[in-house]
Amino acid sequence: MKYVSSAIKGIAIASIAMIIYSTYYKFWFDIDEVFLIFVLSSIQAILSRITRINFRLPDLLYLSVNAVTSYTIAFSACMVMGDIFTLNDFLKFTWAWLLTFSLAFLYSYFSNRKKVDDINKKIERISKL
């Protein structure tokens, strides 16, 4: 179930990225492109979850691994769709990816921070007993 929730979060983040990208560049994606982006985003989210659970990495290294896999998968999707052919297209893609990854990282950081704070409050309450 944890992997399903990770995949759904990945699809939600991909949806936000597509809205940002299409609003800025004034176009929309085809159905097959949307499906490809959703599938690859869910795969990336599941890989991120597996990396977080199975490997005890420091936060900065985990963030770096997550960023590299995210960028690689997103770049591969753009190459498959045939969107990146010039340096200008590459820079546009990198800008949109960086913005989306930053939003996803901040969401993940603050949602995990809330969970950690809740756990700390429960521990304090138990220790006072």
Foldseek 3Di string as FASTA:
>chain_A
DVLVVLLVLLLVLLVVLQVVLCVVVVDHDDPVLSVLSSVLSSVLSSVLVCCVPVPPDPPVVSLVVSLVSQVVSQVVSCVVVPQDDDPVSVVSSVVSSVVSSVVSVVVVVVVVVVVVVVVVVVVVVVVVD
